[in-house]
Amino acid sequence: MQRLKLVHSDSSPNDVLLEVSDFSLRFKGAQKDLISHVSFSVKAGQTVCIVGESGCGKSVTSLAMMGLLPEGAAEIHGGGITFDGRHYDLKDQKALREFRGSRMTMIFQEPMTSLNPSFRIGDQIAEAVQCHGAHTAEEARARALAMLVRVGIPAPEKRMREYPHQLSGGMRQRVMIAMALVNDPALLIADEPTTALDVTIQAQILDLIRDLQAETNMGTIMITHDLGVVAEIADTVAVMYAGTVVEAGPAEQIFNDPQHPYTIGLMSSIPKLTGPRGRLATVPGMVPTAENMPDGCRFATRCPFAQDICKTDPKPQSFGNGHVAACHFAPLDTHFEACA
């Protein structure tokens, strides 16, 4: 398998916060890797968006980085992860607990299943403070209250005493953000943080994350299938398909000059506000499971350009400024006749 790595022409090893290098993961009993040779990096203050349809391995990758996959369910088959200049073992739960929730934190897709319904909001945030520092209960509650103010929760003193079911969806997501950022992390992973919210609340949550990121200079990994969100917030984009990164680079280049057929399919499915109306383009078929993963290019079974050569691993092609795509026919415009 050829490695596809997101490289920034203006970055140096010293300013990289998180480095995922040639990372592969296999679930117990599977014959092939579910996550295969994934590489990307995040710098302080930067937003990296990982995009792809459901089942592409975005959330599994993030859970693996946090050491949150069920114990014994999966094993690392290659590569590694470096955070803050330190390589860490995903099996070493003691080491993971040192920075998980403090230096690296995560916002999950559905706050109602992430917040404990039996505990008050203030107690849950205060617990996150006390787990990562020698704080008294009074100090932890004061910090929790200050964080609720910071994320724009109305009547924060009242909300401290309430339970998750008493809050709206948007307020619960703000509580999740408050809990994630209460210890001033260096890196935030946000897994579909706006999926269950209406568009107005979505915009507010994204603005809040950006404002807090600007204040603290934290790096952010945003996992989403919403390309509208990506266009609004991403500095760089990694497009995942079937557990591999098929294209990566600066957001502007990915949107203006996509070079992988899967990326083009995703872009073509975005509704347009102007021009004639018509049916949206779709990518036929479904993402393969680990049990029926094809050899060579994993997108070949759904690609309109697929040929026999696609049964072999594609060599990544570079288009400058860190823009790379793993396709035998890239750049597509010069190989169109061969692909057709």
Protein backbone atom coordinates (compact mmCIF):
# COMPACT_ATOMS: atom_id res chain seq x y z
CA MET A 1 0.00 0.00 0.00
CA GLN A 2 1.36 3.41 -0.98
CA ARG A 3 1.36 6.02 1.75
CA LEU A 4 -0.60 9.20 1.22
CA LYS A 5 0.61 11.93 3.55
CA LEU A 6 -0.64 15.44 4.09
CA VAL A 7 2.48 17.61 3.99
CA HIS A 8 2.54 21.37 4.50
CA SER A 9 5.16 23.30 2.60
CA ASP A 10 5.32 25.99 5.29
CA SER A 11 5.58 23.67 8.30
CA SER A 12 8.63 22.44 10.16
CA PRO A 13 8.91 19.44 12.51
CA ASN A 14 9.03 21.78 15.50
CA ASP A 15 5.57 23.31 15.01
CA VAL A 16 3.66 20.05 14.43
CA LEU A 17 1.38 19.25 17.37
CA LEU A 18 0.06 15.85 16.27
CA GLU A 19 1.66 13.51 13.76
CA VAL A 20 -0.18 10.38 12.58
CA SER A 21 2.29 8.32 10.54
CA ASP A 22 1.37 5.34 8.33
CA PHE A 23 -1.24 4.26 10.87
CA SER A 24 -3.01 0.93 10.29
CA LEU A 25 -5.58 -0.80 12.49
CA ARG A 26 -7.34 -4.15 12.24
CA PHE A 27 -10.32 -5.43 14.18
CA LYS A 28 -10.02 -8.81 15.86
CA GLY A 29 -10.80 -11.66 13.47
CA ALA A 30 -10.70 -9.50 10.31
CA GLN A 31 -8.52 -10.51 7.35
CA LYS A 32 -7.68 -6.97 6.25
CA ASP A 33 -6.93 -3.66 7.92
CA LEU A 34 -9.95 -1.44 8.47
CA ILE A 35 -7.72 1.64 8.77
CA SER A 36 -4.81 1.43 6.35
CA HIS A 37 -1.67 3.59 6.17
CA VAL A 38 -3.32 6.81 7.32
CA SER A 39 -1.01 9.80 7.72
CA PHE A 40 -1.72 13.43 8.56
CA SER A 41 -0.49 16.15 10.89
CA VAL A 42 -1.98 19.03 12.85
CA LYS A 43 -0.26 22.24 13.88
CA ALA A 44 -1.17 24.55 16.74
CA GLY A 45 -3.97 26.90 15.69
CA GLN A 46 -4.77 24.83 12.59
CA THR A 47 -8.05 23.14 11.63
CA VAL A 48 -7.79 19.84 9.78
CA CYS A 49 -11.06 18.40 8.49
CA ILE A 50 -11.39 14.66 7.90
CA VAL A 51 -14.26 14.07 5.48
CA GLY A 52 -16.01 11.12 3.89
CA GLU A 53 -19.33 9.31 3.97
CA SER A 54 -20.47 7.13 6.86
CA GLY A 55 -18.40 3.98 7.22
CA CYS A 56 -15.18 5.46 5.87
CA GLY A 57 -13.31 5.10 9.16
CA LYS A 58 -13.28 8.72 10.33
CA SER A 59 -14.67 8.11 13.81
CA VAL A 60 -12.73 4.86 14.31
CA THR A 61 -9.51 6.73 13.57
CA SER A 62 -10.33 9.43 16.11
CA LEU A 63 -11.35 6.92 18.78
CA ALA A 64 -8.12 5.02 18.21
CA MET A 65 -6.11 8.22 18.63
CA MET A 66 -7.82 8.82 21.96
CA GLY A 67 -7.39 5.19 23.06
CA LEU A 68 -11.17 4.79 23.35
CA LEU A 69 -11.74 1.67 21.28
CA PRO A 70 -12.94 -1.32 23.33
CA GLU A 71 -10.01 -3.17 24.82
CA GLY A 72 -9.07 -6.19 22.75
CA ALA A 73 -11.39 -5.25 19.88
CA ALA A 74 -8.66 -3.95 17.57
CA GLU A 75 -4.91 -4.05 17.20
CA ILE A 76 -2.43 -1.64 15.65
CA HIS A 77 -0.90 -3.19 12.53
CA GLY A 78 1.56 -0.46 11.67
CA GLY A 79 2.65 3.12 12.08
CA GLY A 80 2.25 5.30 15.13
CA ILE A 81 1.14 8.58 16.62
CA THR A 82 3.28 11.37 18.05
CA PHE A 83 1.70 14.06 20.20
CA ASP A 84 3.58 17.05 21.62
CA GLY A 85 6.79 15.50 20.33
CA ARG A 86 6.20 12.26 22.25
CA HIS A 87 5.36 8.91 20.71
CA TYR A 88 2.71 7.12 22.70
CA ASP A 89 1.53 3.53 22.94
CA LEU A 90 -2.20 3.22 22.37
CA LYS A 91 -2.24 0.18 24.66
CA ASP A 92 -0.75 2.13 27.58
CA GLN A 93 -3.95 3.36 29.23
CA LYS A 94 -2.04 4.94 32.12
CA ALA A 95 -0.07 7.17 29.74
CA LEU A 96 -3.20 7.97 27.74
CA ARG A 97 -5.06 9.09 30.87
CA GLU A 98 -2.29 11.63 31.56
CA PHE A 99 -3.21 13.76 28.55
CA ARG A 100 -6.67 12.51 27.44
CA GLY A 101 -9.11 15.10 28.72
CA SER A 102 -6.37 17.60 29.45
CA ARG A 103 -3.91 18.03 26.55
CA MET A 104 -6.08 16.20 23.98
CA THR A 105 -9.87 16.20 24.21
CA MET A 106 -12.85 15.15 22.14
CA ILE A 107 -16.39 16.34 21.46
CA PHE A 108 -18.72 13.54 20.46
CA GLN A 109 -21.55 13.57 17.94
CA GLU A 110 -24.50 13.16 20.32
CA PRO A 111 -24.12 14.90 23.69
CA MET A 112 -27.16 13.17 25.18
CA THR A 113 -25.32 9.84 25.02
CA SER A 114 -22.03 11.38 26.20
CA LEU A 115 -23.27 13.32 29.21
CA ASN A 116 -24.23 11.31 32.29
CA PRO A 117 -28.02 11.71 32.77
CA SER A 118 -27.68 11.04 36.52
CA PHE A 119 -25.37 13.95 37.36
CA ARG A 120 -25.81 17.70 37.27
CA ILE A 121 -24.04 19.68 34.57
CA GLY A 122 -21.78 21.53 37.00
CA ASP A 123 -20.66 18.32 38.70
CA GLN A 124 -19.70 16.71 35.39
CA ILE A 125 -17.56 19.64 34.27
CA ALA A 126 -16.00 20.01 37.72
CA GLU A 127 -15.08 16.31 37.69
CA ALA A 128 -13.14 16.86 34.44
CA VAL A 129 -11.16 19.59 36.22
CA GLN A 130 -10.37 17.51 39.30
CA CYS A 131 -9.31 14.48 37.24
CA HIS A 132 -6.43 16.47 35.77
CA GLY A 133 -5.17 18.68 38.57
CA ALA A 134 -4.91 19.17 42.31
CA HIS A 135 -8.02 21.33 42.63
CA THR A 136 -10.44 21.55 45.52
CA ALA A 137 -14.12 20.95 44.84
CA GLU A 138 -14.77 24.68 45.22
CA GLU A 139 -12.02 25.58 42.74
CA ALA A 140 -13.27 23.02 40.24
CA ARG A 141 -16.84 24.32 40.42
CA ALA A 142 -15.63 27.91 39.98
CA ARG A 143 -13.70 26.85 36.90
CA ALA A 144 -16.74 24.98 35.57
CA LEU A 145 -18.93 28.05 36.03
CA ALA A 146 -16.39 30.28 34.29
CA MET A 147 -16.30 27.84 31.36
CA LEU A 148 -20.09 27.86 31.00
CA VAL A 149 -19.91 31.65 30.81
CA ARG A 150 -17.14 31.37 28.23
CA VAL A 151 -19.18 29.13 25.91
CA GLY A 152 -22.21 31.40 26.09
CA ILE A 153 -24.58 29.38 28.28
CA PRO A 154 -27.39 31.70 29.51
CA ALA A 155 -28.02 31.77 33.27
CA PRO A 156 -24.91 29.63 33.92
CA GLU A 157 -25.46 29.43 37.71
CA LYS A 158 -28.86 27.85 37.09
CA ARG A 159 -27.54 25.47 34.41
CA MET A 160 -24.85 24.24 36.80
CA ARG A 161 -27.62 22.71 38.93
CA GLU A 162 -29.59 21.18 36.04
CA TYR A 163 -29.43 17.74 34.42
CA PRO A 164 -28.71 17.08 30.71
CA HIS A 165 -32.36 16.33 29.85
CA GLN A 166 -33.33 19.82 31.01
CA LEU A 167 -31.20 21.49 28.32
CA SER A 168 -31.81 21.95 24.60
CA GLY A 169 -29.63 20.17 22.04
CA GLY A 170 -27.61 23.29 21.34
CA MET A 171 -27.01 23.95 25.03
CA ARG A 172 -25.98 20.34 25.63
CA GLN A 173 -23.42 20.68 22.84
CA ARG A 174 -22.10 23.87 24.45
CA VAL A 175 -21.77 21.94 27.71
CA MET A 176 -19.76 19.28 25.87
CA ILE A 177 -17.50 21.99 24.47
CA ALA A 178 -17.11 23.49 27.95
CA MET A 179 -16.16 20.09 29.35
CA ALA A 180 -13.70 19.44 26.53
CA LEU A 181 -11.96 22.82 26.85
CA VAL A 182 -12.08 23.37 30.61
CA ASN A 183 -8.47 22.18 30.97
CA ASP A 184 -7.17 24.32 28.06
CA PRO A 185 -6.18 21.43 25.75
CA ALA A 186 -3.62 21.74 22.98
CA LEU A 187 -5.71 19.61 20.59
CA LEU A 188 -9.48 19.26 20.15
CA ILE A 189 -11.08 16.42 18.16
CA ALA A 190 -14.67 17.22 17.19
CA ASP A 191 -16.61 14.24 15.79
CA GLU A 192 -19.64 15.53 13.85
CA PRO A 193 -20.36 18.15 16.54
CA THR A 194 -23.25 19.80 14.66
CA THR A 195 -25.02 16.84 12.98
CA ALA A 196 -28.10 16.73 15.21
CA LEU A 197 -28.57 20.52 15.36
CA ASP A 198 -30.57 22.89 13.18
CA VAL A 199 -28.61 25.17 10.83
CA THR A 200 -28.82 28.25 13.07
CA ILE A 201 -27.43 26.40 16.08
CA GLN A 202 -24.85 24.72 13.84
CA ALA A 203 -23.49 28.11 12.83
CA GLN A 204 -23.35 29.24 16.46
CA ILE A 205 -21.45 26.11 17.54
CA LEU A 206 -18.93 26.43 14.70
CA ASP A 207 -18.41 30.12 15.49
CA LEU A 208 -17.89 29.23 19.14
CA ILE A 209 -15.26 26.59 18.35
CA ARG A 210 -13.43 29.00 16.04
CA ASP A 211 -13.48 31.80 18.61
CA LEU A 212 -12.14 29.53 21.35
CA GLN A 213 -9.51 28.18 18.98
CA ALA A 214 -8.37 31.73 18.17
CA GLU A 215 -8.13 32.52 21.90
CA THR A 216 -6.10 29.45 22.85
CA ASN A 217 -4.26 28.58 19.59
CA MET A 218 -5.29 24.95 19.93
CA GLY A 219 -5.16 22.58 17.00
CA THR A 220 -8.49 21.16 15.85
CA ILE A 221 -9.48 18.00 14.00
CA MET A 222 -13.02 18.28 12.68
CA ILE A 223 -14.61 15.01 11.54
CA THR A 224 -17.59 15.54 9.28
CA HIS A 225 -19.42 14.53 6.12
CA ASP A 226 -20.81 18.06 5.70
CA LEU A 227 -18.74 19.76 3.01
CA GLY A 228 -20.43 23.08 3.78
CA VAL A 229 -18.88 22.97 7.24
CA VAL A 230 -15.53 22.02 5.72
CA ALA A 231 -15.57 24.95 3.30
CA GLU A 232 -16.25 27.33 6.18
CA ILE A 233 -13.65 26.26 8.73
CA ALA A 234 -10.95 24.01 7.24
CA ASP A 235 -7.34 24.99 6.69
CA THR A 236 -6.51 21.56 5.28
CA VAL A 237 -8.64 18.56 4.31
CA ALA A 238 -8.06 14.80 4.39
CA VAL A 239 -10.61 12.83 2.33
CA MET A 240 -11.08 9.30 3.70
CA TYR A 241 -12.56 6.36 1.87
CA ALA A 242 -12.76 2.79 3.24
CA GLY A 243 -10.16 3.47 5.90
CA THR A 244 -7.59 5.20 3.68
CA VAL A 245 -6.81 8.83 2.92
CA VAL A 246 -7.37 9.10 -0.84
CA GLU A 247 -6.75 12.85 -1.19
CA ALA A 248 -5.39 15.55 1.07
CA GLY A 249 -4.23 19.14 0.92
CA PRO A 250 -5.16 22.78 1.49
CA ALA A 251 -8.93 23.26 1.59
CA GLU A 252 -8.94 25.74 -1.29
CA GLN A 253 -7.17 23.32 -3.61
CA ILE A 254 -9.35 20.38 -2.60
CA PHE A 255 -12.51 22.35 -3.41
CA ASN A 256 -11.25 24.08 -6.56
CA ASP A 257 -9.19 21.29 -8.08
CA PRO A 258 -10.15 17.84 -6.70
CA GLN A 259 -8.04 15.09 -8.24
CA HIS A 260 -9.52 11.85 -6.90
CA PRO A 261 -12.77 10.45 -8.37
CA TYR A 262 -14.20 9.96 -4.88
CA THR A 263 -13.54 13.58 -3.94
CA ILE A 264 -15.14 14.70 -7.19
CA GLY A 265 -18.18 12.56 -6.38
CA LEU A 266 -18.50 14.17 -2.95
CA MET A 267 -18.21 17.67 -4.40
CA SER A 268 -20.81 16.91 -7.07
CA SER A 269 -23.34 15.90 -4.42
CA ILE A 270 -23.40 19.38 -2.82
CA PRO A 271 -26.70 21.22 -3.54
CA LYS A 272 -26.24 24.50 -5.43
CA LEU A 273 -28.18 27.66 -4.61
CA THR A 274 -27.98 29.05 -8.15
CA GLY A 275 -28.45 27.69 -11.65
CA PRO A 276 -30.95 25.17 -13.02
CA ARG A 277 -32.45 22.61 -10.70
CA GLY A 278 -31.79 18.94 -11.20
CA ARG A 279 -31.05 15.69 -9.46
CA LEU A 280 -27.92 15.68 -7.34
CA ALA A 281 -25.06 13.46 -8.44
CA THR A 282 -24.51 10.36 -6.33
CA VAL A 283 -21.67 7.90 -5.82
CA PRO A 284 -23.23 4.50 -6.61
CA GLY A 285 -22.73 1.54 -4.31
CA MET A 286 -21.61 1.39 -0.68
CA VAL A 287 -18.38 1.59 1.28
CA PRO A 288 -16.92 -1.93 1.51
CA THR A 289 -16.58 -3.60 4.88
CA ALA A 290 -13.31 -5.00 6.19
CA GLU A 291 -14.48 -8.49 5.14
CA ASN A 292 -14.95 -7.59 1.45
CA MET A 293 -12.27 -4.93 1.00
CA PRO A 294 -11.01 -5.02 -2.62
CA ASP A 295 -7.34 -5.36 -3.47
CA GLY A 296 -5.54 -2.34 -4.86
CA CYS A 297 -7.57 0.89 -4.93
CA ARG A 298 -10.38 0.53 -2.43
CA PHE A 299 -12.61 2.86 -4.46
CA ALA A 300 -12.28 0.79 -7.65
CA THR A 301 -15.59 -1.06 -7.15
CA ARG A 302 -17.50 2.25 -7.29
CA CYS A 303 -15.28 4.30 -9.59
CA PRO A 304 -16.55 5.14 -13.10
CA PHE A 305 -12.94 5.26 -14.36
CA ALA A 306 -11.79 1.90 -12.93
CA GLN A 307 -9.59 -0.33 -15.10
CA ASP A 308 -7.47 -3.42 -14.50
CA ILE A 309 -4.59 -1.32 -13.21
CA CYS A 310 -6.83 -0.27 -10.29
CA LYS A 311 -6.43 -3.77 -8.84
CA THR A 312 -2.97 -2.60 -7.78
CA ASP A 313 -2.21 0.06 -5.18
CA PRO A 314 -2.19 3.56 -6.70
CA LYS A 315 0.92 5.67 -6.30
CA PRO A 316 0.23 9.05 -4.65
CA GLN A 317 0.56 11.99 -7.01
CA SER A 318 1.62 15.44 -5.83
CA PHE A 319 0.14 18.67 -7.18
CA GLY A 320 2.17 21.12 -5.11
CA ASN A 321 1.60 22.91 -1.81
CA GLY A 322 0.89 19.64 0.01
CA HIS A 323 -1.95 18.60 -2.32
CA VAL A 324 -1.75 14.83 -3.00
CA ALA A 325 -4.12 12.21 -4.39
CA ALA A 326 -3.84 8.42 -4.66
CA CYS A 327 -5.20 7.62 -8.11
CA HIS A 328 -3.59 5.88 -11.09
CA PHE A 329 -5.10 8.50 -13.42
CA ALA A 330 -4.26 11.69 -11.55
CA PRO A 331 -4.09 14.39 -12.75
CA LEU A 332 -7.50 13.50 -14.12
CA ASP A 333 -7.65 16.21 -16.77
CA THR A 334 -4.56 14.87 -18.55
CA HIS A 335 -5.70 11.23 -18.28
CA PHE A 336 -9.37 11.74 -19.10
CA GLU A 337 -9.24 9.78 -22.33
CA ALA A 338 -7.44 6.91 -20.63
CA CYS A 339 -10.02 6.89 -17.82
CA ALA A 340 -13.08 7.05 -20.05
